[in-house]
Amino acid sequence: MSPVLSVVVPVFNERDNIAPLVGEIVAALRGHTDFEIVYVDDNSRDDSLAVLESLKAATPELRVLRHLSQSGQSTAVRTGVKGARGAWIATLDGDGQNDPADIPKLLAARDEAAEGTKLFAGWRVNRQDTSSKRWASKWANAIRARMLHDDTPDTGCGIKLFERAAFLGLPYFDHMHRYLPALMQRAGWKTLSVPVNHRARASGVSKYNNLGRALVGIRDLLGVSWLIDRSKRTAVEER
């Protein structure tokens, strides 16, 4: 039988964060819901893949997919969602800064939400990042909200819950994971932001820098704005 929930985790060079995060996911969800864990290794240069394979024997819920070439976080998320067997997807960043204990909180929000709500986005109300990252994120969120009107205070948070079918109906492009609320709303679905925990990175280094993210973000923001402006939706009836 297919699980109710698939937890998708993209990783690139996160070998020391994998085992602790898998353990936390299992602790949060076993006995709560039927689930699987889908790790997508984005062609790591360290031994992340070996660590993942060593955990499979003790974690029957764990599945491991591997990119044969490095393709980025959005592609890794999409690979995981396409390979997932659950009707609903929870995503987590592989660095351990998202707390798996918040997944049941997102599931509870889904169960109480208005009809047509297909995305529940984590909102890091107490970010444990450097001041430069917090400052850059604050301005990026403000600019994005002004242009896209997506009513979402934090689109960069890695922990999200969404319907698999709704996600696969969205236009795909690199870095799309940062614009999921706007893209879901463009498709006609409702979204909801849910306050979640955020933790300092315990091991490894960030794969992004503020300048690189800003340069890519400007182009992506203009592209998503164009998609929204050019979209059309209509009700359909069968005759």
C-alpha atoms as a PDB file:
ATOM      1  CA  MET A   1       0.000   0.000   0.000  1.00  0.00           C
ATOM      2  CA  SER A   2       1.142   3.548  -0.732  1.00  0.00           C
ATOM      3  CA  PRO A   3       2.039   5.695   2.274  1.00  0.00           C
ATOM      4  CA  VAL A   4      -0.115   8.661   3.192  1.00  0.00           C
ATOM      5  CA  LEU A   5       2.875  11.004   3.360  1.00  0.00           C
ATOM      6  CA  SER A   6       6.233  11.216   1.602  1.00  0.00           C
ATOM      7  CA  VAL A   7       8.995  13.242   3.255  1.00  0.00           C
ATOM      8  CA  VAL A   8      11.342  14.513   0.532  1.00  0.00           C
ATOM      9  CA  VAL A   9      14.833  15.640   1.536  1.00  0.00           C
ATOM     10  CA  PRO A  10      17.360  16.921  -1.040  1.00  0.00           C
ATOM     11  CA  VAL A  11      21.012  16.712  -0.024  1.00  0.00           C
ATOM     12  CA  PHE A  12      24.370  17.763  -1.384  1.00  0.00           C
ATOM     13  CA  ASN A  13      27.456  17.113   0.755  1.00  0.00           C
ATOM     14  CA  GLU A  14      25.558  16.754   4.059  1.00  0.00           C
ATOM     15  CA  ARG A  15      27.027  13.487   5.346  1.00  0.00           C
ATOM     16  CA  ASP A  16      27.103  14.479   9.036  1.00  0.00           C
ATOM     17  CA  ASN A  17      23.540  15.806   9.058  1.00  0.00           C
ATOM     18  CA  ILE A  18      21.864  12.801   7.445  1.00  0.00           C
ATOM     19  CA  ALA A  19      21.659  10.225  10.252  1.00  0.00           C
ATOM     20  CA  PRO A  20      20.446  12.689  12.923  1.00  0.00           C
ATOM     21  CA  LEU A  21      17.750  14.077  10.596  1.00  0.00           C
ATOM     22  CA  VAL A  22      16.520  10.627   9.532  1.00  0.00           C
ATOM     23  CA  GLY A  23      16.257   9.686  13.209  1.00  0.00           C
ATOM     24  CA  GLU A  24      14.237  12.821  13.956  1.00  0.00           C
ATOM     25  CA  ILE A  25      11.857  12.202  11.036  1.00  0.00           C
ATOM     26  CA  VAL A  26      11.216   8.661  12.244  1.00  0.00           C
ATOM     27  CA  ALA A  27      10.677   9.859  15.828  1.00  0.00           C
ATOM     28  CA  ALA A  28       8.210  12.523  14.676  1.00  0.00           C
ATOM     29  CA  LEU A  29       6.122  10.333  12.366  1.00  0.00           C
ATOM     30  CA  ARG A  30       6.172   6.685  13.449  1.00  0.00           C
ATOM     31  CA  GLY A  31       2.838   5.977  15.098  1.00  0.00           C
ATOM     32  CA  HIS A  32       1.426   9.249  13.743  1.00  0.00           C
ATOM     33  CA  THR A  33       0.896   8.456  10.060  1.00  0.00           C
ATOM     34  CA  ASP A  34       2.007   6.028   7.347  1.00  0.00           C
ATOM     35  CA  PHE A  35       5.026   7.604   5.691  1.00  0.00           C
ATOM     36  CA  GLU A  36       8.122   7.132   3.601  1.00  0.00           C
ATOM     37  CA  ILE A  37      11.331   9.162   3.524  1.00  0.00           C
ATOM     38  CA  VAL A  38      12.702   9.955   0.068  1.00  0.00           C
ATOM     39  CA  TYR A  39      16.246  11.305   0.114  1.00  0.00           C
ATOM     40  CA  VAL A  40      17.582  12.696  -3.151  1.00  0.00           C
ATOM     41  CA  ASP A  41      21.366  12.852  -3.286  1.00  0.00           C
ATOM     42  CA  ASP A  42      22.319  15.570  -5.765  1.00  0.00           C
ATOM     43  CA  ASN A  43      25.550  13.846  -6.805  1.00  0.00           C
ATOM     44  CA  SER A  44      27.348  14.642  -3.537  1.00  0.00           C
ATOM     45  CA  ARG A  45      31.146  14.760  -3.570  1.00  0.00           C
ATOM     46  CA  ASP A  46      31.429  13.436  -0.010  1.00  0.00           C
ATOM     47  CA  ASP A  47      30.121  10.069   1.234  1.00  0.00           C
ATOM     48  CA  SER A  48      26.515  11.210   1.745  1.00  0.00           C
ATOM     49  CA  LEU A  49      25.300   8.390  -0.502  1.00  0.00           C
ATOM     50  CA  ALA A  50      27.161   5.755   1.510  1.00  0.00           C
ATOM     51  CA  VAL A  51      25.714   7.137   4.740  1.00  0.00           C
ATOM     52  CA  LEU A  52      22.206   6.972   3.280  1.00  0.00           C
ATOM     53  CA  GLU A  53      22.637   3.414   2.061  1.00  0.00           C
ATOM     54  CA  SER A  54      23.943   2.334   5.474  1.00  0.00           C
ATOM     55  CA  LEU A  55      20.752   3.634   7.127  1.00  0.00           C
ATOM     56  CA  LYS A  56      18.319   1.702   4.935  1.00  0.00           C
ATOM     57  CA  ALA A  57      18.583  -1.582   6.835  1.00  0.00           C
ATOM     58  CA  ALA A  58      17.469  -0.011  10.123  1.00  0.00           C
ATOM     59  CA  THR A  59      14.989   2.414   8.507  1.00  0.00           C
ATOM     60  CA  PRO A  60      12.542   0.538   6.262  1.00  0.00           C
ATOM     61  CA  GLU A  61      10.757   3.804   5.436  1.00  0.00           C
ATOM     62  CA  LEU A  62      13.903   5.203   3.781  1.00  0.00           C
ATOM     63  CA  ARG A  63      14.310   5.304   0.007  1.00  0.00           C
ATOM     64  CA  VAL A  64      17.340   6.824  -1.737  1.00  0.00           C
ATOM     65  CA  LEU A  65      17.421   8.410  -5.194  1.00  0.00           C
ATOM     66  CA  ARG A  66      20.622   9.769  -6.708  1.00  0.00           C
ATOM     67  CA  HIS A  67      21.241  12.319  -9.431  1.00  0.00           C
ATOM     68  CA  LEU A  68      23.968  11.246 -11.848  1.00  0.00           C
ATOM     69  CA  SER A  69      24.954  14.908 -12.224  1.00  0.00           C
ATOM     70  CA  GLN A  70      24.529  17.821  -9.830  1.00  0.00           C
ATOM     71  CA  SER A  71      21.290  19.606 -10.724  1.00  0.00           C
ATOM     72  CA  GLY A  72      20.350  21.878  -7.812  1.00  0.00           C
ATOM     73  CA  GLN A  73      17.796  21.908  -5.035  1.00  0.00           C
ATOM     74  CA  SER A  74      14.650  22.528  -7.085  1.00  0.00           C
ATOM     75  CA  THR A  75      15.444  19.640  -9.412  1.00  0.00           C
ATOM     76  CA  ALA A  76      16.202  17.398  -6.432  1.00  0.00           C
ATOM     77  CA  VAL A  77      12.878  18.297  -4.821  1.00  0.00           C
ATOM     78  CA  ARG A  78      11.047  17.608  -8.081  1.00  0.00           C
ATOM     79  CA  THR A  79      12.864  14.284  -8.489  1.00  0.00           C
ATOM     80  CA  GLY A  80      11.765  13.307  -5.000  1.00  0.00           C
ATOM     81  CA  VAL A  81       8.157  14.376  -5.560  1.00  0.00           C
ATOM     82  CA  LYS A  82       7.961  12.519  -8.888  1.00  0.00           C
ATOM     83  CA  GLY A  83       9.354   9.389  -7.258  1.00  0.00           C
ATOM     84  CA  ALA A  84       7.219   9.687  -4.117  1.00  0.00           C
ATOM     85  CA  ARG A  85       4.290   7.348  -3.494  1.00  0.00           C
ATOM     86  CA  GLY A  86       2.352   9.506  -1.028  1.00  0.00           C
ATOM     87  CA  ALA A  87      -0.479  11.828  -2.057  1.00  0.00           C
ATOM     88  CA  TRP A  88       0.972  14.528   0.213  1.00  0.00           C
ATOM     89  CA  ILE A  89       4.575  15.680   0.365  1.00  0.00           C
ATOM     90  CA  ALA A  90       6.527  17.216   3.227  1.00  0.00           C
ATOM     91  CA  THR A  91       9.893  18.747   2.328  1.00  0.00           C
ATOM     92  CA  LEU A  92      12.857  19.420   4.594  1.00  0.00           C
ATOM     93  CA  ASP A  93      16.250  20.968   3.898  1.00  0.00           C
ATOM     94  CA  GLY A  94      19.035  18.420   4.284  1.00  0.00           C
ATOM     95  CA  ASP A  95      21.122  20.646   6.572  1.00  0.00           C
ATOM     96  CA  GLY A  96      19.022  19.868   9.651  1.00  0.00           C
ATOM     97  CA  GLN A  97      17.894  23.451  10.259  1.00  0.00           C
ATOM     98  CA  ASN A  98      14.230  22.492   9.771  1.00  0.00           C
ATOM     99  CA  ASP A  99      12.669  20.566  12.662  1.00  0.00           C
ATOM    100  CA  PRO A 100      10.841  17.350  11.640  1.00  0.00           C
ATOM    101  CA  ALA A 101       8.746  17.696  14.799  1.00  0.00           C
ATOM    102  CA  ASP A 102       6.881  20.463  12.922  1.00  0.00           C
ATOM    103  CA  ILE A 103       5.555  18.044  10.274  1.00  0.00           C
ATOM    104  CA  PRO A 104       2.627  16.882  12.474  1.00  0.00           C
ATOM    105  CA  LYS A 105       1.861  20.571  13.057  1.00  0.00           C
ATOM    106  CA  LEU A 106       1.601  21.131   9.306  1.00  0.00           C
ATOM    107  CA  LEU A 107      -0.590  18.034   8.948  1.00  0.00           C
ATOM    108  CA  ALA A 108      -2.899  19.367  11.658  1.00  0.00           C
ATOM    109  CA  ALA A 109      -3.087  22.729   9.863  1.00  0.00           C
ATOM    110  CA  ARG A 110      -4.013  20.900   6.660  1.00  0.00           C
ATOM    111  CA  ASP A 111      -6.816  19.015   8.402  1.00  0.00           C
ATOM    112  CA  GLU A 112      -8.314  22.280   9.677  1.00  0.00           C
ATOM    113  CA  ALA A 113      -7.741  24.405   6.565  1.00  0.00           C
ATOM    114  CA  ALA A 114     -10.259  25.772   4.117  1.00  0.00           C
ATOM    115  CA  GLU A 115     -11.117  23.678   1.084  1.00  0.00           C
ATOM    116  CA  GLY A 116      -8.708  24.192  -1.782  1.00  0.00           C
ATOM    117  CA  THR A 117      -5.654  24.852   0.405  1.00  0.00           C
ATOM    118  CA  LYS A 118      -2.877  22.835  -1.190  1.00  0.00           C
ATOM    119  CA  LEU A 119       0.298  24.313   0.338  1.00  0.00           C
ATOM    120  CA  PHE A 120       1.304  24.851   3.958  1.00  0.00           C
ATOM    121  CA  ALA A 121       4.536  26.836   4.069  1.00  0.00           C
ATOM    122  CA  GLY A 122       6.799  26.939   7.097  1.00  0.00           C
ATOM    123  CA  TRP A 123       7.397  30.404   8.543  1.00  0.00           C
ATOM    124  CA  ARG A 124      10.664  30.798  10.472  1.00  0.00           C
ATOM    125  CA  VAL A 125       9.612  33.298  13.114  1.00  0.00           C
ATOM    126  CA  ASN A 126      12.907  32.958  15.025  1.00  0.00           C
ATOM    127  CA  ARG A 127      15.612  32.355  12.414  1.00  0.00           C
ATOM    128  CA  GLN A 128      18.911  30.910  13.602  1.00  0.00           C
ATOM    129  CA  ASP A 129      21.093  32.247  10.799  1.00  0.00           C
ATOM    130  CA  THR A 130      23.793  34.882  10.503  1.00  0.00           C
ATOM    131  CA  SER A 131      22.712  38.515  10.593  1.00  0.00           C
ATOM    132  CA  SER A 132      23.694  38.952   6.938  1.00  0.00           C
ATOM    133  CA  LYS A 133      21.471  36.046   5.889  1.00  0.00           C
ATOM    134  CA  ARG A 134      18.552  37.359   7.936  1.00  0.00           C
ATOM    135  CA  TRP A 135      18.978  40.843   6.457  1.00  0.00           C
ATOM    136  CA  ALA A 136      19.184  39.533   2.881  1.00  0.00           C
ATOM    137  CA  SER A 137      16.145  37.330   3.410  1.00  0.00           C
ATOM    138  CA  LYS A 138      14.141  40.199   4.894  1.00  0.00           C
ATOM    139  CA  TRP A 139      14.707  42.396   1.850  1.00  0.00           C
ATOM    140  CA  ALA A 140      14.189  39.557  -0.615  1.00  0.00           C
ATOM    141  CA  ASN A 141      10.866  38.651   1.001  1.00  0.00           C
ATOM    142  CA  ALA A 142       9.746  42.282   0.974  1.00  0.00           C
ATOM    143  CA  ILE A 143      10.560  42.735  -2.724  1.00  0.00           C
ATOM    144  CA  ARG A 144       8.958  39.418  -3.667  1.00  0.00           C
ATOM    145  CA  ALA A 145       5.783  40.172  -1.722  1.00  0.00           C
ATOM    146  CA  ARG A 146       5.501  43.593  -3.367  1.00  0.00           C
ATOM    147  CA  MET A 147       5.840  42.145  -6.868  1.00  0.00           C
ATOM    148  CA  LEU A 148       3.941  38.871  -6.540  1.00  0.00           C
ATOM    149  CA  HIS A 149       1.353  39.691  -3.835  1.00  0.00           C
ATOM    150  CA  ASP A 150       1.619  36.123  -2.556  1.00  0.00           C
ATOM    151  CA  ASP A 151       0.784  36.990   1.082  1.00  0.00           C
ATOM    152  CA  THR A 152       3.649  34.797   2.335  1.00  0.00           C
ATOM    153  CA  PRO A 153       6.142  36.142   4.895  1.00  0.00           C
ATOM    154  CA  ASP A 154       8.824  33.477   4.332  1.00  0.00           C
ATOM    155  CA  THR A 155       9.132  31.575   1.054  1.00  0.00           C
ATOM    156  CA  GLY A 156      12.702  30.401   1.677  1.00  0.00           C
ATOM    157  CA  CYS A 157      11.824  28.032   4.518  1.00  0.00           C
ATOM    158  CA  GLY A 158      12.578  24.447   3.493  1.00  0.00           C
ATOM    159  CA  ILE A 159       9.811  22.780   5.490  1.00  0.00           C
ATOM    160  CA  LYS A 160       6.587  22.698   3.510  1.00  0.00           C
ATOM    161  CA  LEU A 161       3.581  20.434   3.093  1.00  0.00           C
ATOM    162  CA  PHE A 162       1.744  20.236  -0.220  1.00  0.00           C
ATOM    163  CA  GLU A 163      -0.395  17.985  -2.364  1.00  0.00           C
ATOM    164  CA  ARG A 164       1.727  15.983  -4.793  1.00  0.00           C
ATOM    165  CA  ALA A 165      -0.677  16.320  -7.727  1.00  0.00           C
ATOM    166  CA  ALA A 166      -0.921  20.104  -7.284  1.00  0.00           C
ATOM    167  CA  PHE A 167       2.886  20.443  -7.236  1.00  0.00           C
ATOM    168  CA  LEU A 168       3.357  18.370 -10.378  1.00  0.00           C
ATOM    169  CA  GLY A 169       0.889  20.624 -12.180  1.00  0.00           C
ATOM    170  CA  LEU A 170       3.106  23.682 -11.621  1.00  0.00           C
ATOM    171  CA  PRO A 171       5.567  25.016 -14.214  1.00  0.00           C
ATOM    172  CA  TYR A 172       9.040  23.701 -13.492  1.00  0.00           C
ATOM    173  CA  PHE A 173      12.223  25.817 -13.531  1.00  0.00           C
ATOM    174  CA  ASP A 174      15.417  25.972 -11.518  1.00  0.00           C
ATOM    175  CA  HIS A 175      14.891  27.650  -8.114  1.00  0.00           C
ATOM    176  CA  MET A 176      11.109  27.201  -8.362  1.00  0.00           C
ATOM    177  CA  HIS A 177      11.075  25.945  -4.752  1.00  0.00           C
ATOM    178  CA  ARG A 178      11.447  29.564  -3.607  1.00  0.00           C
ATOM    179  CA  TYR A 179       8.226  30.599  -5.346  1.00  0.00           C
ATOM    180  CA  LEU A 180       5.850  27.772  -4.469  1.00  0.00           C
ATOM    181  CA  PRO A 181       3.202  29.960  -2.751  1.00  0.00           C
ATOM    182  CA  ALA A 182       2.917  32.292  -5.750  1.00  0.00           C
ATOM    183  CA  LEU A 183       2.896  29.379  -8.197  1.00  0.00           C
ATOM    184  CA  MET A 184       0.229  27.520  -6.218  1.00  0.00           C
ATOM    185  CA  GLN A 185      -1.915  30.641  -6.059  1.00  0.00           C
ATOM    186  CA  ARG A 186      -1.432  31.157  -9.806  1.00  0.00           C
ATOM    187  CA  ALA A 187      -2.822  27.633 -10.297  1.00  0.00           C
ATOM    188  CA  GLY A 188      -5.939  28.563  -8.314  1.00  0.00           C
ATOM    189  CA  TRP A 189      -5.075  26.992  -4.959  1.00  0.00           C
ATOM    190  CA  LYS A 190      -4.988  28.574  -1.503  1.00  0.00           C
ATOM    191  CA  THR A 191      -1.815  28.620   0.615  1.00  0.00           C
ATOM    192  CA  LEU A 192      -1.221  29.060   4.331  1.00  0.00           C
ATOM    193  CA  SER A 193       1.885  30.059   6.303  1.00  0.00           C
ATOM    194  CA  VAL A 194       2.479  28.168   9.561  1.00  0.00           C
ATOM    195  CA  PRO A 195       5.021  29.278  12.217  1.00  0.00           C
ATOM    196  CA  VAL A 196       7.735  26.639  12.668  1.00  0.00           C
ATOM    197  CA  ASN A 197      10.933  26.060  14.593  1.00  0.00           C
ATOM    198  CA  HIS A 198      14.324  26.898  13.081  1.00  0.00           C
ATOM    199  CA  ARG A 199      17.733  25.695  14.211  1.00  0.00           C
ATOM    200  CA  ALA A 200      21.351  26.590  13.693  1.00  0.00           C
ATOM    201  CA  ARG A 201      23.299  24.387  11.303  1.00  0.00           C
ATOM    202  CA  ALA A 202      25.074  21.713  13.376  1.00  0.00           C
ATOM    203  CA  SER A 203      27.553  20.607  10.733  1.00  0.00           C
ATOM    204  CA  GLY A 204      28.762  21.429   7.238  1.00  0.00           C
ATOM    205  CA  VAL A 205      28.515  24.690   5.327  1.00  0.00           C
ATOM    206  CA  SER A 206      25.777  26.488   3.416  1.00  0.00           C
ATOM    207  CA  LYS A 207      25.683  25.892  -0.334  1.00  0.00           C
ATOM    208  CA  TYR A 208      24.473  29.456  -1.063  1.00  0.00           C
ATOM    209  CA  ASN A 209      25.820  32.978  -0.672  1.00  0.00           C
ATOM    210  CA  ASN A 210      23.821  36.192  -0.538  1.00  0.00           C
ATOM    211  CA  LEU A 211      25.189  37.694  -3.770  1.00  0.00           C
ATOM    212  CA  GLY A 212      24.667  34.577  -5.862  1.00  0.00           C
ATOM    213  CA  ARG A 213      21.172  34.091  -4.536  1.00  0.00           C
ATOM    214  CA  ALA A 214      20.287  37.747  -5.228  1.00  0.00           C
ATOM    215  CA  LEU A 215      21.521  37.668  -8.828  1.00  0.00           C
ATOM    216  CA  VAL A 216      19.546  34.527  -9.631  1.00  0.00           C
ATOM    217  CA  GLY A 217      16.552  35.749  -7.631  1.00  0.00           C
ATOM    218  CA  ILE A 218      16.095  38.924  -9.687  1.00  0.00           C
ATOM    219  CA  ARG A 219      15.782  36.966 -12.913  1.00  0.00           C
ATOM    220  CA  ASP A 220      13.488  34.371 -11.343  1.00  0.00           C
ATOM    221  CA  LEU A 221      11.297  37.038  -9.766  1.00  0.00           C
ATOM    222  CA  LEU A 222      10.749  38.730 -13.113  1.00  0.00           C
ATOM    223  CA  GLY A 223       9.959  35.368 -14.690  1.00  0.00           C
ATOM    224  CA  VAL A 224       7.398  34.397 -12.053  1.00  0.00           C
ATOM    225  CA  SER A 225       5.808  37.852 -12.297  1.00  0.00           C
ATOM    226  CA  TRP A 226       5.485  37.330 -16.067  1.00  0.00           C
ATOM    227  CA  LEU A 227       3.913  33.892 -15.536  1.00  0.00           C
ATOM    228  CA  ILE A 228       1.323  35.367 -13.180  1.00  0.00           C
ATOM    229  CA  ASP A 229       0.497  38.225 -15.537  1.00  0.00           C
ATOM    230  CA  ARG A 230       0.049  35.841 -18.469  1.00  0.00           C
ATOM    231  CA  SER A 231      -1.998  33.181 -16.678  1.00  0.00           C
ATOM    232  CA  LYS A 232      -5.666  32.432 -17.346  1.00  0.00           C
ATOM    233  CA  ARG A 233      -8.030  30.148 -15.468  1.00  0.00           C
ATOM    234  CA  THR A 234     -11.617  29.227 -16.224  1.00  0.00           C
ATOM    235  CA  ALA A 235     -14.217  26.894 -14.791  1.00  0.00           C
ATOM    236  CA  VAL A 236     -14.948  23.804 -16.861  1.00  0.00           C
ATOM    237  CA  GLU A 237     -18.083  21.726 -17.254  1.00  0.00           C
ATOM    238  CA  GLU A 238     -18.582  18.398 -19.013  1.00  0.00           C
ATOM    239  CA  ARG A 239     -21.500  18.319 -21.472  1.00  0.00           C
END
